[in-house]
């Protein structure tokens, strides 16, 4: 999912499904980003809620996860 403002991409999220034993599926968030001038406006929250809402419609989603580098202070905040 991508968020645009005046035809400019200001936020994006990309995920992949990972099959686990027993038929469960994990969602790995590969990319979650919002262009710096548009941060703190709820765009990242909207992107994440979109993924959460889609996952609730599936019965076999066991977890959702992502990785953040320890020196990425903006992402941690």
N, C-alpha and C. Protein backbone atom coordinates (compact mmCIF):
# COMPACT_ATOMS: atom_id res chain seq x y z
N UNK A 1 0.85 -1.17 0.00
CA UNK A 1 0.00 0.00 0.00
C UNK A 1 0.90 1.23 0.00
N UNK A 2 0.51 2.21 -0.75
CA UNK A 2 1.28 3.44 -0.85
C UNK A 2 0.34 4.62 -0.62
N UNK A 3 0.85 5.64 0.06
CA UNK A 3 0.09 6.84 0.33
C UNK A 3 0.67 8.00 -0.48
N UNK A 4 -0.20 8.71 -1.18
CA UNK A 4 0.23 9.83 -2.02
C UNK A 4 -0.35 11.15 -1.51
N UNK A 5 0.41 12.22 -1.73
CA UNK A 5 -0.05 13.58 -1.50
C UNK A 5 0.36 14.38 -2.72
N UNK A 6 -0.61 14.91 -3.45
CA UNK A 6 -0.35 15.66 -4.69
C UNK A 6 0.53 14.85 -5.64
N UNK A 7 0.18 13.61 -5.84
CA UNK A 7 0.88 12.71 -6.77
C UNK A 7 2.32 12.39 -6.36
N UNK A 8 2.67 12.62 -5.11
CA UNK A 8 4.00 12.28 -4.60
C UNK A 8 3.84 11.20 -3.54
N UNK A 9 4.61 10.13 -3.68
CA UNK A 9 4.57 9.06 -2.69
C UNK A 9 5.18 9.56 -1.38
N UNK A 10 4.39 9.56 -0.30
CA UNK A 10 4.89 10.04 0.99
C UNK A 10 4.99 8.92 2.02
N UNK A 11 4.42 7.75 1.71
CA UNK A 11 4.50 6.63 2.65
C UNK A 11 4.20 5.33 1.94
N UNK A 12 4.81 4.25 2.45
CA UNK A 12 4.62 2.97 1.82
C UNK A 12 4.85 1.84 2.81
N UNK A 13 4.15 0.71 2.59
CA UNK A 13 4.36 -0.48 3.39
C UNK A 13 4.34 -1.66 2.43
N UNK A 14 5.26 -2.60 2.64
CA UNK A 14 5.32 -3.81 1.82
C UNK A 14 5.53 -4.99 2.76
N UNK A 15 4.77 -6.03 2.55
CA UNK A 15 4.81 -7.21 3.42
C UNK A 15 4.93 -8.47 2.58
N UNK A 16 5.35 -9.54 3.24
CA UNK A 16 5.32 -10.84 2.59
C UNK A 16 4.75 -11.86 3.56
N UNK A 17 4.10 -12.86 3.02
CA UNK A 17 3.55 -13.94 3.83
C UNK A 17 4.59 -15.04 3.93
N UNK A 18 4.76 -15.57 5.13
CA UNK A 18 5.71 -16.65 5.36
C UNK A 18 4.96 -17.83 5.95
N UNK A 19 4.95 -18.95 5.23
CA UNK A 19 4.25 -20.14 5.70
C UNK A 19 5.05 -20.80 6.82
N UNK A 20 4.31 -21.23 7.86
CA UNK A 20 4.93 -21.91 9.00
C UNK A 20 4.35 -23.32 9.07
N UNK A 21 4.94 -24.12 9.92
CA UNK A 21 4.44 -25.47 10.11
C UNK A 21 3.02 -25.43 10.66
N UNK A 22 2.23 -26.41 10.28
CA UNK A 22 0.87 -26.49 10.77
C UNK A 22 -0.12 -25.62 10.03
N UNK A 23 0.32 -24.96 8.96
CA UNK A 23 -0.59 -24.15 8.17
C UNK A 23 -0.67 -22.69 8.58
N UNK A 24 -0.02 -22.32 9.68
CA UNK A 24 -0.04 -20.91 10.10
C UNK A 24 0.79 -20.07 9.14
N UNK A 25 0.52 -18.79 9.15
CA UNK A 25 1.23 -17.85 8.28
C UNK A 25 1.65 -16.64 9.11
N UNK A 26 2.90 -16.21 8.92
CA UNK A 26 3.40 -14.98 9.52
C UNK A 26 3.40 -13.89 8.46
N UNK A 27 3.22 -12.67 8.89
CA UNK A 27 3.37 -11.52 7.99
C UNK A 27 4.65 -10.80 8.40
N UNK A 28 5.58 -10.70 7.45
CA UNK A 28 6.82 -9.97 7.69
C UNK A 28 6.72 -8.63 6.99
N UNK A 29 6.81 -7.55 7.75
CA UNK A 29 6.79 -6.21 7.18
C UNK A 29 8.21 -5.90 6.71
N UNK A 30 8.39 -5.89 5.39
CA UNK A 30 9.71 -5.67 4.81
C UNK A 30 10.05 -4.19 4.75
N UNK A 31 9.04 -3.38 4.45
CA UNK A 31 9.23 -1.94 4.31
C UNK A 31 8.08 -1.22 4.98
N UNK A 32 8.40 -0.26 5.80
CA UNK A 32 7.40 0.66 6.35
C UNK A 32 8.11 2.00 6.45
N UNK A 33 7.71 2.92 5.61
CA UNK A 33 8.40 4.20 5.60
C UNK A 33 7.48 5.35 5.27
N UNK A 34 7.79 6.49 5.85
CA UNK A 34 7.08 7.73 5.57
C UNK A 34 8.14 8.80 5.34
N UNK A 35 7.99 9.53 4.28
CA UNK A 35 8.92 10.60 3.95
C UNK A 35 8.96 11.59 5.10
N UNK A 36 10.16 12.01 5.50
CA UNK A 36 10.38 12.80 6.72
C UNK A 36 9.44 14.00 6.89
N UNK A 37 9.19 14.81 5.87
CA UNK A 37 8.30 15.96 6.10
C UNK A 37 6.85 15.58 6.44
N UNK A 38 6.49 14.31 6.21
CA UNK A 38 5.11 13.87 6.44
C UNK A 38 4.98 12.95 7.66
N UNK A 39 6.05 12.83 8.43
CA UNK A 39 5.99 12.01 9.64
C UNK A 39 5.21 12.73 10.74
N UNK A 40 4.71 11.95 11.67
CA UNK A 40 3.92 12.45 12.82
C UNK A 40 2.56 12.98 12.39
N UNK A 41 2.08 12.52 11.23
CA UNK A 41 0.76 12.92 10.75
C UNK A 41 -0.21 11.74 10.73
N UNK A 42 0.23 10.59 11.21
CA UNK A 42 -0.62 9.41 11.26
C UNK A 42 -0.57 8.54 10.02
N UNK A 43 0.31 8.85 9.09
CA UNK A 43 0.39 8.08 7.85
C UNK A 43 0.92 6.67 8.13
N UNK A 44 1.98 6.56 8.92
CA UNK A 44 2.52 5.24 9.27
C UNK A 44 1.51 4.40 10.02
N UNK A 45 0.77 5.03 10.91
CA UNK A 45 -0.29 4.34 11.66
C UNK A 45 -1.36 3.83 10.71
N UNK A 46 -1.74 4.65 9.75
CA UNK A 46 -2.76 4.24 8.78
C UNK A 46 -2.28 3.05 7.95
N UNK A 47 -1.02 3.08 7.53
CA UNK A 47 -0.46 1.97 6.75
C UNK A 47 -0.44 0.69 7.58
N UNK A 48 0.00 0.79 8.82
CA UNK A 48 0.07 -0.38 9.69
C UNK A 48 -1.33 -0.91 9.99
N UNK A 49 -2.29 -0.04 10.25
CA UNK A 49 -3.66 -0.48 10.51
C UNK A 49 -4.25 -1.19 9.30
N UNK A 50 -3.88 -0.76 8.12
CA UNK A 50 -4.36 -1.43 6.91
C UNK A 50 -3.91 -2.89 6.89
N UNK A 51 -2.65 -3.13 7.21
CA UNK A 51 -2.13 -4.51 7.26
C UNK A 51 -2.81 -5.29 8.37
N UNK A 52 -2.99 -4.67 9.53
CA UNK A 52 -3.65 -5.36 10.65
C UNK A 52 -5.09 -5.72 10.29
N UNK A 53 -5.81 -4.81 9.64
CA UNK A 53 -7.19 -5.08 9.23
C UNK A 53 -7.26 -6.23 8.22
N UNK A 54 -6.34 -6.25 7.27
CA UNK A 54 -6.32 -7.36 6.31
C UNK A 54 -6.00 -8.68 6.99
N UNK A 55 -5.09 -8.65 7.96
CA UNK A 55 -4.70 -9.89 8.64
C UNK A 55 -5.83 -10.44 9.50
N UNK A 56 -6.68 -9.57 10.03
CA UNK A 56 -7.80 -10.02 10.85
C UNK A 56 -8.82 -10.81 10.04
N UNK A 57 -8.85 -10.60 8.74
CA UNK A 57 -9.79 -11.30 7.87
C UNK A 57 -9.32 -12.72 7.55
N UNK A 58 -8.07 -13.02 7.88
CA UNK A 58 -7.50 -14.34 7.64
C UNK A 58 -7.44 -15.12 8.95
N UNK A 59 -7.81 -16.36 8.92
CA UNK A 59 -7.81 -17.17 10.14
C UNK A 59 -6.45 -17.77 10.47
N UNK A 60 -5.56 -17.82 9.52
CA UNK A 60 -4.31 -18.53 9.73
C UNK A 60 -3.10 -17.63 10.01
N UNK A 61 -3.29 -16.34 10.25
CA UNK A 61 -2.18 -15.43 10.55
C UNK A 61 -1.80 -15.61 12.02
N UNK A 62 -0.57 -16.06 12.26
CA UNK A 62 -0.14 -16.31 13.63
C UNK A 62 0.57 -15.10 14.25
N UNK A 63 1.28 -14.34 13.43
CA UNK A 63 1.99 -13.17 13.96
C UNK A 63 2.38 -12.24 12.83
N UNK A 64 2.71 -11.01 13.22
CA UNK A 64 3.18 -9.98 12.31
C UNK A 64 4.45 -9.41 12.93
N UNK A 65 5.50 -9.29 12.13
CA UNK A 65 6.74 -8.78 12.71
C UNK A 65 7.54 -7.97 11.69
N UNK A 66 8.50 -7.21 12.21
CA UNK A 66 9.43 -6.45 11.40
C UNK A 66 10.74 -6.33 12.15
N UNK A 67 11.75 -5.88 11.47
CA UNK A 67 13.05 -5.63 12.08
C UNK A 67 13.37 -4.15 11.96
N UNK A 68 14.02 -3.62 12.97
CA UNK A 68 14.46 -2.23 12.96
C UNK A 68 15.92 -2.21 13.43
N UNK A 69 16.78 -1.53 12.69
CA UNK A 69 18.17 -1.39 13.11
C UNK A 69 18.24 -0.59 14.40
N UNK A 70 19.11 -0.98 15.29
CA UNK A 70 19.19 -0.32 16.59
C UNK A 70 19.61 1.14 16.49
N UNK A 71 20.26 1.53 15.40
CA UNK A 71 20.68 2.92 15.25
C UNK A 71 19.66 3.76 14.46
N UNK A 72 18.52 3.17 14.10
CA UNK A 72 17.47 3.89 13.38
C UNK A 72 16.53 4.53 14.40
N UNK A 73 16.96 5.64 14.95
CA UNK A 73 16.23 6.30 16.03
C UNK A 73 14.84 6.77 15.61
N UNK A 74 14.70 7.23 14.35
CA UNK A 74 13.39 7.67 13.88
C UNK A 74 12.40 6.52 13.87
N UNK A 75 12.83 5.35 13.40
CA UNK A 75 11.93 4.18 13.35
C UNK A 75 11.58 3.70 14.76
N UNK A 76 12.52 3.72 15.66
CA UNK A 76 12.28 3.27 17.03
C UNK A 76 11.31 4.22 17.72
N UNK A 77 11.47 5.52 17.46
CA UNK A 77 10.56 6.50 18.07
C UNK A 77 9.16 6.33 17.55
